mmCIF file of all heavy atoms, coordinates in Angstrom:
data_MODEL
# 
_entry.id   MODEL 
# 
loop_
_atom_site.group_PDB 
_atom_site.id 
_atom_site.type_symbol 
_atom_site.label_atom_id 
_atom_site.label_alt_id 
_atom_site.label_comp_id 
_atom_site.label_asym_id 
_atom_site.label_entity_id 
_atom_site.label_seq_id 
_atom_site.pdbx_PDB_ins_code 
_atom_site.Cartn_x 
_atom_site.Cartn_y 
_atom_site.Cartn_z 
_atom_site.occupancy 
_atom_site.B_iso_or_equiv 
_atom_site.pdbx_formal_charge 
_atom_site.auth_seq_id 
_atom_site.auth_comp_id 
_atom_site.auth_asym_id 
_atom_site.auth_atom_id 
_atom_site.pdbx_PDB_model_num 
ATOM 1   N N   . PHE A 1 1  ? -12.004 -148.522 238.261 1.00 0.00 ? 1  PHE A N   1 
ATOM 2   C CA  . PHE A 1 1  ? -10.818 -148.228 237.450 1.00 0.00 ? 1  PHE A CA  1 
ATOM 3   C C   . PHE A 1 1  ? -9.608  -147.921 238.329 1.00 0.00 ? 1  PHE A C   1 
ATOM 4   O O   . PHE A 1 1  ? -8.473  -148.246 237.968 1.00 0.00 ? 1  PHE A O   1 
ATOM 5   C CB  . PHE A 1 1  ? -11.108 -147.063 236.496 1.00 0.00 ? 1  PHE A CB  1 
ATOM 6   C CG  . PHE A 1 1  ? -12.230 -147.359 235.534 1.00 0.00 ? 1  PHE A CG  1 
ATOM 7   C CD1 . PHE A 1 1  ? -13.493 -146.836 235.736 1.00 0.00 ? 1  PHE A CD1 1 
ATOM 8   C CD2 . PHE A 1 1  ? -12.031 -148.185 234.443 1.00 0.00 ? 1  PHE A CD2 1 
ATOM 9   C CE1 . PHE A 1 1  ? -14.536 -147.114 234.869 1.00 0.00 ? 1  PHE A CE1 1 
ATOM 10  C CE2 . PHE A 1 1  ? -13.056 -148.482 233.567 1.00 0.00 ? 1  PHE A CE2 1 
ATOM 11  C CZ  . PHE A 1 1  ? -14.319 -147.937 233.783 1.00 0.00 ? 1  PHE A CZ  1 
ATOM 12  N N   . TYR A 1 2  ? -9.844  -147.296 239.484 1.00 0.00 ? 2  TYR A N   1 
ATOM 13  C CA  . TYR A 1 2  ? -8.751  -147.081 240.429 1.00 0.00 ? 2  TYR A CA  1 
ATOM 14  C C   . TYR A 1 2  ? -8.224  -148.425 240.942 1.00 0.00 ? 2  TYR A C   1 
ATOM 15  O O   . TYR A 1 2  ? -7.006  -148.624 241.072 1.00 0.00 ? 2  TYR A O   1 
ATOM 16  C CB  . TYR A 1 2  ? -9.217  -146.215 241.603 1.00 0.00 ? 2  TYR A CB  1 
ATOM 17  C CG  . TYR A 1 2  ? -9.541  -144.793 241.210 1.00 0.00 ? 2  TYR A CG  1 
ATOM 18  C CD1 . TYR A 1 2  ? -10.810 -144.263 241.435 1.00 0.00 ? 2  TYR A CD1 1 
ATOM 19  C CD2 . TYR A 1 2  ? -8.586  -143.975 240.613 1.00 0.00 ? 2  TYR A CD2 1 
ATOM 20  C CE1 . TYR A 1 2  ? -11.127 -142.951 241.069 1.00 0.00 ? 2  TYR A CE1 1 
ATOM 21  C CE2 . TYR A 1 2  ? -8.887  -142.672 240.242 1.00 0.00 ? 2  TYR A CE2 1 
ATOM 22  C CZ  . TYR A 1 2  ? -10.158 -142.168 240.472 1.00 0.00 ? 2  TYR A CZ  1 
ATOM 23  O OH  . TYR A 1 2  ? -10.459 -140.885 240.109 1.00 0.00 ? 2  TYR A OH  1 
ATOM 24  N N   . VAL A 1 3  ? -9.138  -149.350 241.221 1.00 0.00 ? 3  VAL A N   1 
ATOM 25  C CA  . VAL A 1 3  ? -8.741  -150.694 241.647 1.00 0.00 ? 3  VAL A CA  1 
ATOM 26  C C   . VAL A 1 3  ? -7.925  -151.367 240.545 1.00 0.00 ? 3  VAL A C   1 
ATOM 27  O O   . VAL A 1 3  ? -6.862  -151.963 240.805 1.00 0.00 ? 3  VAL A O   1 
ATOM 28  C CB  . VAL A 1 3  ? -9.978  -151.556 241.982 1.00 0.00 ? 3  VAL A CB  1 
ATOM 29  C CG1 . VAL A 1 3  ? -9.577  -153.017 242.214 1.00 0.00 ? 3  VAL A CG1 1 
ATOM 30  C CG2 . VAL A 1 3  ? -10.691 -151.000 243.214 1.00 0.00 ? 3  VAL A CG2 1 
ATOM 31  N N   . HIS A 1 4  ? -8.409  -151.270 239.301 1.00 0.00 ? 4  HIS A N   1 
ATOM 32  C CA  . HIS A 1 4  ? -7.707  -151.858 238.150 1.00 0.00 ? 4  HIS A CA  1 
ATOM 33  C C   . HIS A 1 4  ? -6.292  -151.292 238.035 1.00 0.00 ? 4  HIS A C   1 
ATOM 34  O O   . HIS A 1 4  ? -5.322  -152.049 237.860 1.00 0.00 ? 4  HIS A O   1 
ATOM 35  C CB  . HIS A 1 4  ? -8.508  -151.572 236.873 1.00 0.00 ? 4  HIS A CB  1 
ATOM 36  C CG  . HIS A 1 4  ? -7.966  -152.260 235.660 1.00 0.00 ? 4  HIS A CG  1 
ATOM 37  N ND1 . HIS A 1 4  ? -8.597  -152.226 234.436 1.00 0.00 ? 4  HIS A ND1 1 
ATOM 38  C CD2 . HIS A 1 4  ? -6.838  -152.988 235.454 1.00 0.00 ? 4  HIS A CD2 1 
ATOM 39  C CE1 . HIS A 1 4  ? -7.897  -152.909 233.559 1.00 0.00 ? 4  HIS A CE1 1 
ATOM 40  N NE2 . HIS A 1 4  ? -6.814  -153.367 234.155 1.00 0.00 ? 4  HIS A NE2 1 
ATOM 41  N N   . LEU A 1 5  ? -6.150  -149.981 238.140 1.00 0.00 ? 5  LEU A N   1 
ATOM 42  C CA  . LEU A 1 5  ? -4.835  -149.347 238.000 1.00 0.00 ? 5  LEU A CA  1 
ATOM 43  C C   . LEU A 1 5  ? -3.875  -149.802 239.101 1.00 0.00 ? 5  LEU A C   1 
ATOM 44  O O   . LEU A 1 5  ? -2.712  -150.133 238.820 1.00 0.00 ? 5  LEU A O   1 
ATOM 45  C CB  . LEU A 1 5  ? -4.986  -147.824 238.030 1.00 0.00 ? 5  LEU A CB  1 
ATOM 46  C CG  . LEU A 1 5  ? -3.686  -147.013 237.926 1.00 0.00 ? 5  LEU A CG  1 
ATOM 47  C CD1 . LEU A 1 5  ? -2.962  -147.318 236.616 1.00 0.00 ? 5  LEU A CD1 1 
ATOM 48  C CD2 . LEU A 1 5  ? -3.984  -145.523 238.025 1.00 0.00 ? 5  LEU A CD2 1 
ATOM 49  N N   . ILE A 1 6  ? -4.343  -149.829 240.335 1.00 0.00 ? 6  ILE A N   1 
ATOM 50  C CA  . ILE A 1 6  ? -3.479  -150.233 241.460 1.00 0.00 ? 6  ILE A CA  1 
ATOM 51  C C   . ILE A 1 6  ? -3.011  -151.678 241.302 1.00 0.00 ? 6  ILE A C   1 
ATOM 52  O O   . ILE A 1 6  ? -1.824  -151.990 241.462 1.00 0.00 ? 6  ILE A O   1 
ATOM 53  C CB  . ILE A 1 6  ? -4.218  -150.036 242.802 1.00 0.00 ? 6  ILE A CB  1 
ATOM 54  C CG1 . ILE A 1 6  ? -4.423  -148.541 243.074 1.00 0.00 ? 6  ILE A CG1 1 
ATOM 55  C CG2 . ILE A 1 6  ? -3.445  -150.678 243.950 1.00 0.00 ? 6  ILE A CG2 1 
ATOM 56  C CD1 . ILE A 1 6  ? -5.376  -148.243 244.205 1.00 0.00 ? 6  ILE A CD1 1 
ATOM 57  N N   . ILE A 1 7  ? -3.944  -152.575 240.951 1.00 0.00 ? 7  ILE A N   1 
ATOM 58  C CA  . ILE A 1 7  ? -3.577  -153.982 240.778 1.00 0.00 ? 7  ILE A CA  1 
ATOM 59  C C   . ILE A 1 7  ? -2.657  -154.159 239.574 1.00 0.00 ? 7  ILE A C   1 
ATOM 60  O O   . ILE A 1 7  ? -1.736  -154.986 239.600 1.00 0.00 ? 7  ILE A O   1 
ATOM 61  C CB  . ILE A 1 7  ? -4.837  -154.857 240.657 1.00 0.00 ? 7  ILE A CB  1 
ATOM 62  C CG1 . ILE A 1 7  ? -5.588  -154.869 241.992 1.00 0.00 ? 7  ILE A CG1 1 
ATOM 63  C CG2 . ILE A 1 7  ? -4.485  -156.286 240.233 1.00 0.00 ? 7  ILE A CG2 1 
ATOM 64  C CD1 . ILE A 1 7  ? -6.843  -155.696 242.003 1.00 0.00 ? 7  ILE A CD1 1 
ATOM 65  N N   . GLU A 1 8  ? -2.870  -153.372 238.523 1.00 0.00 ? 8  GLU A N   1 
ATOM 66  C CA  . GLU A 1 8  ? -1.983  -153.426 237.354 1.00 0.00 ? 8  GLU A CA  1 
ATOM 67  C C   . GLU A 1 8  ? -0.555  -153.044 237.738 1.00 0.00 ? 8  GLU A C   1 
ATOM 68  O O   . GLU A 1 8  ? 0.407   -153.686 237.298 1.00 0.00 ? 8  GLU A O   1 
ATOM 69  C CB  . GLU A 1 8  ? -2.507  -152.495 236.259 1.00 0.00 ? 8  GLU A CB  1 
ATOM 70  C CG  . GLU A 1 8  ? -1.571  -152.315 235.065 1.00 0.00 ? 8  GLU A CG  1 
ATOM 71  C CD  . GLU A 1 8  ? -1.225  -153.615 234.370 1.00 0.00 ? 8  GLU A CD  1 
ATOM 72  O OE1 . GLU A 1 8  ? -2.104  -154.473 234.219 1.00 0.00 ? 8  GLU A OE1 1 
ATOM 73  O OE2 . GLU A 1 8  ? -0.047  -153.767 233.972 1.00 0.00 ? 8  GLU A OE2 1 
ATOM 74  N N   . LEU A 1 9  ? -0.388  -152.027 238.559 1.00 0.00 ? 9  LEU A N   1 
ATOM 75  C CA  . LEU A 1 9  ? 0.950   -151.599 238.999 1.00 0.00 ? 9  LEU A CA  1 
ATOM 76  C C   . LEU A 1 9  ? 1.605   -152.673 239.873 1.00 0.00 ? 9  LEU A C   1 
ATOM 77  O O   . LEU A 1 9  ? 2.817   -152.921 239.765 1.00 0.00 ? 9  LEU A O   1 
ATOM 78  C CB  . LEU A 1 9  ? 0.858   -150.275 239.755 1.00 0.00 ? 9  LEU A CB  1 
ATOM 79  C CG  . LEU A 1 9  ? 0.415   -149.063 238.915 1.00 0.00 ? 9  LEU A CG  1 
ATOM 80  C CD1 . LEU A 1 9  ? 0.237   -147.841 239.794 1.00 0.00 ? 9  LEU A CD1 1 
ATOM 81  C CD2 . LEU A 1 9  ? 1.412   -148.779 237.795 1.00 0.00 ? 9  LEU A CD2 1 
ATOM 82  N N   . ILE A 1 10 ? 0.806   -153.317 240.728 1.00 0.00 ? 10 ILE A N   1 
ATOM 83  C CA  . ILE A 1 10 ? 1.336   -154.420 241.548 1.00 0.00 ? 10 ILE A CA  1 
ATOM 84  C C   . ILE A 1 10 ? 1.741   -155.590 240.651 1.00 0.00 ? 10 ILE A C   1 
ATOM 85  O O   . ILE A 1 10 ? 2.810   -156.193 240.833 1.00 0.00 ? 10 ILE A O   1 
ATOM 86  C CB  . ILE A 1 10 ? 0.293   -154.872 242.593 1.00 0.00 ? 10 ILE A CB  1 
ATOM 87  C CG1 . ILE A 1 10 ? 0.010   -153.740 243.587 1.00 0.00 ? 10 ILE A CG1 1 
ATOM 88  C CG2 . ILE A 1 10 ? 0.775   -156.124 243.338 1.00 0.00 ? 10 ILE A CG2 1 
ATOM 89  C CD1 . ILE A 1 10 ? -1.172  -154.016 244.504 1.00 0.00 ? 10 ILE A CD1 1 
ATOM 90  N N   . ALA A 1 11 ? 0.889   -155.905 239.664 1.00 0.00 ? 11 ALA A N   1 
ATOM 91  C CA  . ALA A 1 11 ? 1.182   -157.000 238.732 1.00 0.00 ? 11 ALA A CA  1 
ATOM 92  C C   . ALA A 1 11 ? 2.461   -156.722 237.950 1.00 0.00 ? 11 ALA A C   1 
ATOM 93  O O   . ALA A 1 11 ? 3.240   -157.646 237.667 1.00 0.00 ? 11 ALA A O   1 
ATOM 94  C CB  . ALA A 1 11 ? 0.009   -157.202 237.774 1.00 0.00 ? 11 ALA A CB  1 
ATOM 95  N N   . GLN A 1 12 ? 2.701   -155.450 237.612 1.00 0.00 ? 12 GLN A N   1 
ATOM 96  C CA  . GLN A 1 12 ? 3.918   -155.102 236.885 1.00 0.00 ? 12 GLN A CA  1 
ATOM 97  C C   . GLN A 1 12 ? 5.165   -155.386 237.721 1.00 0.00 ? 12 GLN A C   1 
ATOM 98  O O   . GLN A 1 12 ? 6.179   -155.869 237.204 1.00 0.00 ? 12 GLN A O   1 
ATOM 99  C CB  . GLN A 1 12 ? 3.879   -153.626 236.468 1.00 0.00 ? 12 GLN A CB  1 
ATOM 100 C CG  . GLN A 1 12 ? 5.087   -153.147 235.681 1.00 0.00 ? 12 GLN A CG  1 
ATOM 101 C CD  . GLN A 1 12 ? 5.222   -153.786 234.309 1.00 0.00 ? 12 GLN A CD  1 
ATOM 102 O OE1 . GLN A 1 12 ? 4.387   -154.580 233.889 1.00 0.00 ? 12 GLN A OE1 1 
ATOM 103 N NE2 . GLN A 1 12 ? 6.281   -153.439 233.592 1.00 0.00 ? 12 GLN A NE2 1 
ATOM 104 N N   . ALA A 1 13 ? 5.089   -155.119 239.011 1.00 0.00 ? 13 ALA A N   1 
ATOM 105 C CA  . ALA A 1 13 ? 6.223   -155.415 239.900 1.00 0.00 ? 13 ALA A CA  1 
ATOM 106 C C   . ALA A 1 13 ? 6.485   -156.926 239.930 1.00 0.00 ? 13 ALA A C   1 
ATOM 107 O O   . ALA A 1 13 ? 7.648   -157.369 239.926 1.00 0.00 ? 13 ALA A O   1 
ATOM 108 C CB  . ALA A 1 13 ? 5.929   -154.899 241.306 1.00 0.00 ? 13 ALA A CB  1 
ATOM 109 N N   . VAL A 1 14 ? 5.419   -157.717 239.939 1.00 0.00 ? 14 VAL A N   1 
ATOM 110 C CA  . VAL A 1 14 ? 5.553   -159.180 239.929 1.00 0.00 ? 14 VAL A CA  1 
ATOM 111 C C   . VAL A 1 14 ? 6.163   -159.645 238.609 1.00 0.00 ? 14 VAL A C   1 
ATOM 112 O O   . VAL A 1 14 ? 7.034   -160.531 238.581 1.00 0.00 ? 14 VAL A O   1 
ATOM 113 C CB  . VAL A 1 14 ? 4.185   -159.854 240.173 1.00 0.00 ? 14 VAL A CB  1 
ATOM 114 C CG1 . VAL A 1 14 ? 4.285   -161.366 239.981 1.00 0.00 ? 14 VAL A CG1 1 
ATOM 115 C CG2 . VAL A 1 14 ? 3.669   -159.529 241.565 1.00 0.00 ? 14 VAL A CG2 1 
ATOM 116 N N   . ARG A 1 15 ? 5.704   -159.057 237.488 1.00 0.00 ? 15 ARG A N   1 
ATOM 117 C CA  . ARG A 1 15 ? 6.274   -159.412 236.175 1.00 0.00 ? 15 ARG A CA  1 
ATOM 118 C C   . ARG A 1 15 ? 7.772   -159.154 236.151 1.00 0.00 ? 15 ARG A C   1 
ATOM 119 O O   . ARG A 1 15 ? 8.557   -159.980 235.662 1.00 0.00 ? 15 ARG A O   1 
ATOM 120 C CB  . ARG A 1 15 ? 5.598   -158.600 235.065 1.00 0.00 ? 15 ARG A CB  1 
ATOM 121 C CG  . ARG A 1 15 ? 4.117   -158.886 234.859 1.00 0.00 ? 15 ARG A CG  1 
ATOM 122 C CD  . ARG A 1 15 ? 3.556   -158.050 233.725 1.00 0.00 ? 15 ARG A CD  1 
ATOM 123 N NE  . ARG A 1 15 ? 2.101   -158.053 233.725 1.00 0.00 ? 15 ARG A NE  1 
ATOM 124 C CZ  . ARG A 1 15 ? 1.337   -157.003 234.017 1.00 0.00 ? 15 ARG A CZ  1 
ATOM 125 N NH1 . ARG A 1 15 ? 1.904   -155.831 234.281 1.00 0.00 ? 15 ARG A NH1 1 
ATOM 126 N NH2 . ARG A 1 15 ? 0.028   -157.102 234.012 1.00 0.00 ? 15 ARG A NH2 1 
ATOM 127 N N   . MET A 1 16 ? 8.168   -157.997 236.658 1.00 0.00 ? 16 MET A N   1 
ATOM 128 C CA  . MET A 1 16 ? 9.589   -157.637 236.691 1.00 0.00 ? 16 MET A CA  1 
ATOM 129 C C   . MET A 1 16 ? 10.378  -158.637 237.527 1.00 0.00 ? 16 MET A C   1 
ATOM 130 O O   . MET A 1 16 ? 11.473  -159.071 237.142 1.00 0.00 ? 16 MET A O   1 
ATOM 131 C CB  . MET A 1 16 ? 9.748   -156.226 237.259 1.00 0.00 ? 16 MET A CB  1 
ATOM 132 C CG  . MET A 1 16 ? 9.219   -155.132 236.336 1.00 0.00 ? 16 MET A CG  1 
ATOM 133 S SD  . MET A 1 16 ? 8.794   -153.599 237.203 1.00 0.00 ? 16 MET A SD  1 
ATOM 134 C CE  . MET A 1 16 ? 10.319  -153.192 238.009 1.00 0.00 ? 16 MET A CE  1 
ATOM 135 N N   . LYS A 1 17 ? 9.818   -159.019 238.666 1.00 0.00 ? 17 LYS A N   1 
ATOM 136 C CA  . LYS A 1 17 ? 10.490  -159.966 239.570 1.00 0.00 ? 17 LYS A CA  1 
ATOM 137 C C   . LYS A 1 17 ? 10.720  -161.313 238.900 1.00 0.00 ? 17 LYS A C   1 
ATOM 138 O O   . LYS A 1 17 ? 11.758  -161.968 239.107 1.00 0.00 ? 17 LYS A O   1 
ATOM 139 C CB  . LYS A 1 17 ? 9.631   -160.147 240.832 1.00 0.00 ? 17 LYS A CB  1 
ATOM 140 C CG  . LYS A 1 17 ? 10.266  -160.975 241.935 1.00 0.00 ? 17 LYS A CG  1 
ATOM 141 C CD  . LYS A 1 17 ? 11.396  -160.232 242.614 1.00 0.00 ? 17 LYS A CD  1 
ATOM 142 C CE  . LYS A 1 17 ? 11.927  -161.028 243.806 1.00 0.00 ? 17 LYS A CE  1 
ATOM 143 N NZ  . LYS A 1 17 ? 13.080  -160.345 244.438 1.00 0.00 ? 17 LYS A NZ  1 
ATOM 144 N N   . ILE A 1 18 ? 9.787   -161.759 238.065 1.00 0.00 ? 18 ILE A N   1 
ATOM 145 C CA  . ILE A 1 18 ? 9.888   -163.063 237.408 1.00 0.00 ? 18 ILE A CA  1 
ATOM 146 C C   . ILE A 1 18 ? 10.769  -163.006 236.161 1.00 0.00 ? 18 ILE A C   1 
ATOM 147 O O   . ILE A 1 18 ? 11.588  -163.893 235.923 1.00 0.00 ? 18 ILE A O   1 
ATOM 148 C CB  . ILE A 1 18 ? 8.483   -163.592 237.031 1.00 0.00 ? 18 ILE A CB  1 
ATOM 149 C CG1 . ILE A 1 18 ? 7.673   -163.866 238.297 1.00 0.00 ? 18 ILE A CG1 1 
ATOM 150 C CG2 . ILE A 1 18 ? 8.582   -164.872 236.181 1.00 0.00 ? 18 ILE A CG2 1 
ATOM 151 C CD1 . ILE A 1 18 ? 6.213   -164.188 238.034 1.00 0.00 ? 18 ILE A CD1 1 
ATOM 152 N N   . VAL A 1 19 ? 10.615  -161.953 235.351 1.00 0.00 ? 19 VAL A N   1 
ATOM 153 C CA  . VAL A 1 19 ? 11.246  -161.914 234.023 1.00 0.00 ? 19 VAL A CA  1 
ATOM 154 C C   . VAL A 1 19 ? 12.678  -161.380 234.043 1.00 0.00 ? 19 VAL A C   1 
ATOM 155 O O   . VAL A 1 19 ? 13.551  -161.928 233.353 1.00 0.00 ? 19 VAL A O   1 
ATOM 156 C CB  . VAL A 1 19 ? 10.383  -161.070 233.048 1.00 0.00 ? 19 VAL A CB  1 
ATOM 157 C CG1 . VAL A 1 19 ? 11.092  -160.902 231.706 1.00 0.00 ? 19 VAL A CG1 1 
ATOM 158 C CG2 . VAL A 1 19 ? 9.020   -161.719 232.852 1.00 0.00 ? 19 VAL A CG2 1 
ATOM 159 N N   . LEU A 1 20 ? 12.954  -160.331 234.795 1.00 0.00 ? 20 LEU A N   1 
ATOM 160 C CA  . LEU A 1 20 ? 14.265  -159.682 234.729 1.00 0.00 ? 20 LEU A CA  1 
ATOM 161 C C   . LEU A 1 20 ? 15.438  -160.622 235.022 1.00 0.00 ? 20 LEU A C   1 
ATOM 162 O O   . LEU A 1 20 ? 16.477  -160.519 234.344 1.00 0.00 ? 20 LEU A O   1 
ATOM 163 C CB  . LEU A 1 20 ? 14.304  -158.468 235.671 1.00 0.00 ? 20 LEU A CB  1 
ATOM 164 C CG  . LEU A 1 20 ? 13.358  -157.313 235.298 1.00 0.00 ? 20 LEU A CG  1 
ATOM 165 C CD1 . LEU A 1 20 ? 13.530  -156.145 236.258 1.00 0.00 ? 20 LEU A CD1 1 
ATOM 166 C CD2 . LEU A 1 20 ? 13.578  -156.855 233.866 1.00 0.00 ? 20 LEU A CD2 1 
ATOM 167 N N   . PRO A 1 21 ? 15.331  -161.548 236.002 1.00 0.00 ? 21 PRO A N   1 
ATOM 168 C CA  . PRO A 1 21 ? 16.459  -162.478 236.217 1.00 0.00 ? 21 PRO A CA  1 
ATOM 169 C C   . PRO A 1 21 ? 16.763  -163.349 235.004 1.00 0.00 ? 21 PRO A C   1 
ATOM 170 O O   . PRO A 1 21 ? 17.903  -163.816 234.839 1.00 0.00 ? 21 PRO A O   1 
ATOM 171 C CB  . PRO A 1 21 ? 15.969  -163.335 237.396 1.00 0.00 ? 21 PRO A CB  1 
ATOM 172 C CG  . PRO A 1 21 ? 14.990  -162.479 238.123 1.00 0.00 ? 21 PRO A CG  1 
ATOM 173 C CD  . PRO A 1 21 ? 14.297  -161.699 237.043 1.00 0.00 ? 21 PRO A CD  1 
ATOM 174 N N   . LYS A 1 22 ? 15.778  -163.572 234.134 1.00 0.00 ? 22 LYS A N   1 
ATOM 175 C CA  . LYS A 1 22 ? 15.998  -164.414 232.956 1.00 0.00 ? 22 LYS A CA  1 
ATOM 176 C C   . LYS A 1 22 ? 16.942  -163.776 231.948 1.00 0.00 ? 22 LYS A C   1 
ATOM 177 O O   . LYS A 1 22 ? 17.519  -164.470 231.108 1.00 0.00 ? 22 LYS A O   1 
ATOM 178 C CB  . LYS A 1 22 ? 14.652  -164.719 232.279 1.00 0.00 ? 22 LYS A CB  1 
ATOM 179 C CG  . LYS A 1 22 ? 13.707  -165.549 233.140 1.00 0.00 ? 22 LYS A CG  1 
ATOM 180 C CD  . LYS A 1 22 ? 12.412  -165.868 232.396 1.00 0.00 ? 22 LYS A CD  1 
ATOM 181 C CE  . LYS A 1 22 ? 11.488  -166.728 233.263 1.00 0.00 ? 22 LYS A CE  1 
ATOM 182 N NZ  . LYS A 1 22 ? 10.247  -167.104 232.574 1.00 0.00 ? 22 LYS A NZ  1 
ATOM 183 N N   . ILE A 1 23 ? 17.086  -162.445 232.004 1.00 0.00 ? 23 ILE A N   1 
ATOM 184 C CA  . ILE A 1 23 ? 17.991  -161.753 231.075 1.00 0.00 ? 23 ILE A CA  1 
ATOM 185 C C   . ILE A 1 23 ? 19.105  -161.038 231.845 1.00 0.00 ? 23 ILE A C   1 
ATOM 186 O O   . ILE A 1 23 ? 19.732  -160.104 231.336 1.00 0.00 ? 23 ILE A O   1 
ATOM 187 C CB  . ILE A 1 23 ? 17.219  -160.751 230.177 1.00 0.00 ? 23 ILE A CB  1 
ATOM 188 C CG1 . ILE A 1 23 ? 16.406  -159.758 231.018 1.00 0.00 ? 23 ILE A CG1 1 
ATOM 189 C CG2 . ILE A 1 23 ? 16.316  -161.498 229.209 1.00 0.00 ? 23 ILE A CG2 1 
ATOM 190 C CD1 . ILE A 1 23 ? 15.778  -158.655 230.196 1.00 0.00 ? 23 ILE A CD1 1 
ATOM 191 N N   . ASP A 1 24 ? 19.345  -161.467 233.086 1.00 0.00 ? 24 ASP A N   1 
ATOM 192 C CA  . ASP A 1 24 ? 20.417  -160.920 233.929 1.00 0.00 ? 24 ASP A CA  1 
ATOM 193 C C   . ASP A 1 24 ? 20.313  -159.401 234.093 1.00 0.00 ? 24 ASP A C   1 
ATOM 194 O O   . ASP A 1 24 ? 21.294  -158.667 233.994 1.00 0.00 ? 24 ASP A O   1 
ATOM 195 C CB  . ASP A 1 24 ? 21.796  -161.273 233.346 1.00 0.00 ? 24 ASP A CB  1 
ATOM 196 C CG  . ASP A 1 24 ? 22.006  -162.775 233.253 1.00 0.00 ? 24 ASP A CG  1 
ATOM 197 O OD1 . ASP A 1 24 ? 21.445  -163.497 234.094 1.00 0.00 ? 24 ASP A OD1 1 
ATOM 198 O OD2 . ASP A 1 24 ? 22.703  -163.222 232.325 1.00 0.00 ? 24 ASP A OD2 1 
# 
């Protein structure tokens, strides 16, 4: 579960990097 949480937080940073530029 610690592994899951850490990877989830990393994945969230990737999501932000991809999606946020689409809405300026």
